[in-house]
Amino acid sequence: MRLLIVEDEKRLAVSLAKGLTAEGYAVDVVHDGLEGLHRAGEGVYDLVILDIMLPGLNGYRVCAALRAAGHDVPILMLTAKDGEYDEAEGLDTGADDYLTKPFSYVVLVARVKALLRRRGAGASPVHVHGDLRVDTAARRVFLGEDEVTLTAKEFAVLEQLVVRAGQVVSKAEILEHVWDFAYDGDPNIVEVYVSALRRKLRAGLIRTVRGAGYRLDTGR
């Protein structure tokens, strides 16, 4: 999943990005409200972490503009301000949750996961296809009775395939959701990770659809 951090405190933004990347998310970072609005408006993010006190355009206005444009991406607001009126203002503009600085990183990660689960409400976080079982909430993978250990990036690639099992997912779509926008390396990196997944899981589980992308074989 791909997250956007809009935070002008650069050390904090970098720290959050490193931590969330280690959790397996693709993370993009911008430092002002106008750029944040532009990026979030592209519609490629699964969640936005949005500071309120931003140069160019404050977080309230960014949030309100996104909602007015019809974007329903979950928004977690961060601020150094506190008090119930500030929180109410943030929620009234369309934010989904609110966290006051200084905050615990563990709490932030828990809030992020809760918002992502809420967005997928109605869909089970556990995907079962034959003897493959993928728990996207716990980030665990089982093949039969055996748990398979994946790296964060391997899991992120598999997640893109498993949530759309039976459908073709293009290399560009995987890159978009698993790697951040600053990635300018070889797009064939996706093939490297798919090959790793085939070795760790089962060779025929992920099919290559020539010229189109990859499809998780559901066994049907």
Protein backbone atom coordinates (compact mmCIF):
# COMPACT_ATOMS: atom_id res chain seq x y z
CA MET A 1 0.00 0.00 0.00
CA ARG A 2 1.14 3.53 -0.74
CA LEU A 3 1.06 6.35 1.81
CA LEU A 4 1.64 10.10 1.48
CA ILE A 5 3.17 12.13 4.30
CA VAL A 6 2.59 15.91 4.12
CA GLU A 7 4.79 17.34 6.89
CA ASP A 8 7.07 20.41 6.89
CA GLU A 9 9.19 19.21 9.83
CA LYS A 10 11.68 17.39 7.63
CA ARG A 11 13.34 15.32 10.35
CA LEU A 12 9.98 14.08 11.56
CA ALA A 13 8.82 13.37 8.00
CA VAL A 14 11.96 11.38 7.19
CA SER A 15 11.72 9.46 10.47
CA LEU A 16 8.09 8.54 9.84
CA ALA A 17 8.85 7.55 6.25
CA LYS A 18 11.68 5.26 7.32
CA GLY A 19 9.55 3.59 9.96
CA LEU A 20 6.53 3.08 7.71
CA THR A 21 8.73 1.82 4.88
CA ALA A 22 10.11 -0.78 7.28
CA GLU A 23 6.48 -1.77 7.98
CA GLY A 24 6.16 -2.62 4.28
CA TYR A 25 4.44 0.49 2.94
CA ALA A 26 5.53 2.57 -0.04
CA VAL A 27 5.88 6.11 1.32
CA ASP A 28 6.09 9.47 -0.44
CA VAL A 29 6.93 12.69 1.42
CA VAL A 30 6.22 16.34 0.57
CA HIS A 31 6.75 19.38 2.76
CA ASP A 32 4.09 21.95 1.83
CA GLY A 33 0.34 22.04 1.50
CA LEU A 34 0.09 22.89 -2.19
CA GLU A 35 2.34 20.00 -3.21
CA GLY A 36 0.48 17.76 -0.79
CA LEU A 37 -2.86 18.66 -2.38
CA HIS A 38 -1.43 18.02 -5.85
CA ARG A 39 0.02 14.64 -4.89
CA ALA A 40 -3.02 13.47 -2.93
CA GLY A 41 -5.28 14.59 -5.77
CA GLU A 42 -3.59 12.09 -8.11
CA GLY A 43 -5.65 9.38 -6.43
CA VAL A 44 -2.86 6.81 -6.09
CA TYR A 45 -2.61 6.80 -2.29
CA ASP A 46 -4.25 4.45 0.19
CA LEU A 47 -3.83 6.92 3.08
CA VAL A 48 -2.57 10.47 3.71
CA ILE A 49 -0.79 11.60 6.89
CA LEU A 50 -1.39 15.35 6.91
CA ASP A 51 0.12 18.00 9.17
CA ILE A 52 -2.09 21.02 9.89
CA MET A 53 0.51 23.81 10.14
CA LEU A 54 1.94 23.76 6.61
CA PRO A 55 3.42 26.43 4.34
CA GLY A 56 1.49 27.27 1.19
CA LEU A 57 -1.82 25.75 2.28
CA ASN A 58 -2.69 24.51 5.75
CA GLY A 59 -3.88 20.99 6.42
CA TYR A 60 -7.49 22.02 7.04
CA ARG A 61 -7.70 23.55 3.56
CA VAL A 62 -5.91 20.62 1.93
CA CYS A 63 -8.33 18.19 3.55
CA ALA A 64 -11.39 20.27 2.65
CA ALA A 65 -10.23 20.61 -0.96
CA LEU A 66 -9.69 16.87 -1.31
CA ARG A 67 -13.14 16.09 0.07
CA ALA A 68 -14.76 18.76 -2.11
CA ALA A 69 -13.13 17.12 -5.15
CA GLY A 70 -14.64 13.77 -4.18
CA HIS A 71 -11.49 12.04 -2.87
CA ASP A 72 -12.31 9.57 -0.08
CA VAL A 73 -8.73 8.62 0.80
CA PRO A 74 -8.34 8.15 4.59
CA ILE A 75 -6.66 11.19 6.18
CA LEU A 76 -4.81 11.12 9.50
CA MET A 77 -4.14 14.67 10.71
CA LEU A 78 -1.06 15.62 12.73
CA THR A 79 -0.70 18.85 14.66
CA ALA A 80 1.22 20.52 17.45
CA LYS A 81 -2.02 22.20 18.47
CA ASP A 82 -4.32 20.58 20.98
CA GLY A 83 -7.76 21.05 22.36
CA GLU A 84 -11.18 19.77 21.43
CA TYR A 85 -11.99 22.68 19.08
CA ASP A 86 -8.88 22.05 16.98
CA GLU A 87 -9.75 18.37 16.77
CA ALA A 88 -13.35 19.17 15.87
CA GLU A 89 -12.22 21.54 13.12
CA GLY A 90 -9.96 18.86 11.65
CA LEU A 91 -12.72 16.25 11.69
CA ASP A 92 -15.27 18.72 10.33
CA THR A 93 -13.13 19.31 7.24
CA GLY A 94 -13.23 15.59 6.50
CA ALA A 95 -10.27 14.06 8.34
CA ASP A 96 -10.75 10.48 9.53
CA ASP A 97 -8.51 10.63 12.59
CA TYR A 98 -6.41 13.12 14.53
CA LEU A 99 -3.09 12.78 16.40
CA THR A 100 -1.51 15.51 18.51
CA LYS A 101 2.27 15.99 18.64
CA PRO A 102 4.28 14.71 20.36
CA PHE A 103 2.88 11.26 19.69
CA SER A 104 4.03 7.68 20.03
CA TYR A 105 5.22 6.13 16.75
CA VAL A 106 3.59 2.85 17.84
CA VAL A 107 0.26 4.67 18.23
CA LEU A 108 0.63 6.27 14.80
CA VAL A 109 1.24 2.90 13.15
CA ALA A 110 -1.78 1.46 14.97
CA ARG A 111 -3.96 4.36 13.76
CA VAL A 112 -2.69 3.91 10.19
CA LYS A 113 -3.50 0.20 10.23
CA ALA A 114 -6.93 0.85 11.76
CA LEU A 115 -7.80 3.41 9.05
CA LEU A 116 -6.67 1.06 6.30
CA ARG A 117 -8.74 -1.76 7.79
CA ARG A 118 -11.74 0.56 8.05
CA ARG A 119 -11.40 1.52 4.41
CA GLY A 120 -11.53 -2.15 3.50
CA ALA A 121 -14.47 -2.85 5.82
CA GLY A 122 -16.65 -5.60 4.48
CA ALA A 123 -13.69 -7.38 2.92
CA SER A 124 -11.89 -9.99 4.98
CA PRO A 125 -8.20 -9.25 5.64
CA VAL A 126 -7.54 -12.99 5.20
CA HIS A 127 -7.38 -14.14 1.58
CA VAL A 128 -7.48 -17.88 0.93
CA HIS A 129 -6.68 -19.36 -2.46
CA GLY A 130 -6.21 -23.12 -2.36
CA ASP A 131 -3.45 -23.83 0.16
CA LEU A 132 -2.28 -20.18 0.14
CA ARG A 133 -3.49 -18.01 3.01
CA VAL A 134 -2.53 -14.33 3.21
CA ASP A 135 -3.48 -12.22 6.22
CA THR A 136 -3.04 -8.61 5.07
CA ALA A 137 -3.78 -7.22 8.55
CA ALA A 138 -1.24 -9.38 10.41
CA ARG A 139 1.04 -9.43 7.32
CA ARG A 140 1.51 -13.19 7.51
CA VAL A 141 1.57 -15.76 4.72
CA PHE A 142 0.93 -19.50 4.96
CA LEU A 143 1.32 -22.22 2.36
CA GLY A 144 -0.53 -25.22 3.68
CA GLU A 145 0.43 -25.53 7.34
CA ASP A 146 3.77 -23.77 6.91
CA GLU A 147 4.31 -20.06 7.44
CA VAL A 148 6.36 -18.42 4.69
CA THR A 149 8.69 -15.60 5.68
CA LEU A 150 8.65 -12.70 3.22
CA THR A 151 10.50 -9.40 3.19
CA ALA A 152 8.41 -6.23 3.47
CA LYS A 153 8.69 -5.57 -0.28
CA GLU A 154 7.90 -9.19 -1.19
CA PHE A 155 4.78 -9.03 0.95
CA ALA A 156 3.76 -5.70 -0.60
CA VAL A 157 4.03 -7.14 -4.12
CA LEU A 158 2.09 -10.26 -3.13
CA GLU A 159 -0.58 -8.11 -1.48
CA GLN A 160 -1.19 -6.24 -4.73
CA LEU A 161 -1.79 -9.57 -6.47
CA VAL A 162 -3.80 -11.30 -3.77
CA VAL A 163 -6.36 -8.52 -3.28
CA ARG A 164 -7.06 -8.74 -7.02
CA ALA A 165 -6.71 -12.50 -7.36
CA GLY A 166 -7.77 -13.77 -10.76
CA GLN A 167 -7.26 -10.32 -12.34
CA VAL A 168 -4.27 -9.11 -14.30
CA VAL A 169 -2.20 -6.54 -12.39
CA SER A 170 0.23 -4.58 -14.53
CA LYS A 171 3.86 -3.99 -13.68
CA ALA A 172 3.11 -0.23 -13.63
CA GLU A 173 0.33 -0.71 -11.06
CA ILE A 174 2.62 -2.71 -8.80
CA LEU A 175 5.37 -0.10 -9.08
CA GLU A 176 2.87 2.65 -8.31
CA HIS A 177 1.69 1.08 -5.08
CA VAL A 178 4.83 -0.63 -3.79
CA TRP A 179 7.60 1.85 -4.68
CA ASP A 180 7.54 5.58 -3.97
CA PHE A 181 7.47 8.28 -6.65
CA ALA A 182 11.18 8.98 -6.15
CA TYR A 183 12.07 5.52 -7.46
CA ASP A 184 13.81 5.92 -10.80
CA GLY A 185 15.47 2.52 -11.08
CA ASP A 186 14.79 -0.31 -13.46
CA PRO A 187 11.04 -1.12 -13.65
CA ASN A 188 12.08 -4.75 -14.09
CA ILE A 189 12.62 -4.75 -10.31
CA VAL A 190 9.04 -6.06 -10.20
CA GLU A 191 10.16 -9.19 -12.07
CA VAL A 192 12.88 -9.74 -9.48
CA TYR A 193 10.35 -9.75 -6.64
CA VAL A 194 7.85 -11.89 -8.53
CA SER A 195 10.63 -14.43 -9.13
CA ALA A 196 11.46 -14.39 -5.41
CA LEU A 197 7.80 -15.00 -4.56
CA ARG A 198 7.64 -17.91 -6.98
CA ARG A 199 10.67 -19.49 -5.31
CA LYS A 200 9.24 -19.05 -1.82
CA LEU A 201 5.67 -20.01 -2.65
CA ARG A 202 4.96 -22.09 -5.73
CA ALA A 203 6.15 -21.59 -9.29
CA GLY A 204 2.71 -21.74 -10.93
CA LEU A 205 0.95 -19.54 -8.36
CA ILE A 206 1.77 -16.25 -10.11
CA ARG A 207 1.15 -16.33 -13.84
CA THR A 208 2.79 -13.96 -16.30
CA VAL A 209 0.31 -12.54 -18.81
CA ARG A 210 2.60 -11.50 -21.63
CA GLY A 211 2.43 -7.81 -22.40
CA ALA A 212 -0.11 -7.18 -19.63
CA GLY A 213 1.26 -8.09 -16.21
CA TYR A 214 0.76 -10.77 -13.58
CA ARG A 215 -2.18 -12.75 -12.25
CA LEU A 216 -2.49 -14.74 -9.04
CA ASP A 217 -3.83 -18.15 -10.00
CA THR A 218 -6.90 -18.80 -7.84
CA GLY A 219 -7.06 -22.45 -8.85
CA ARG A 220 -10.43 -22.02 -10.51
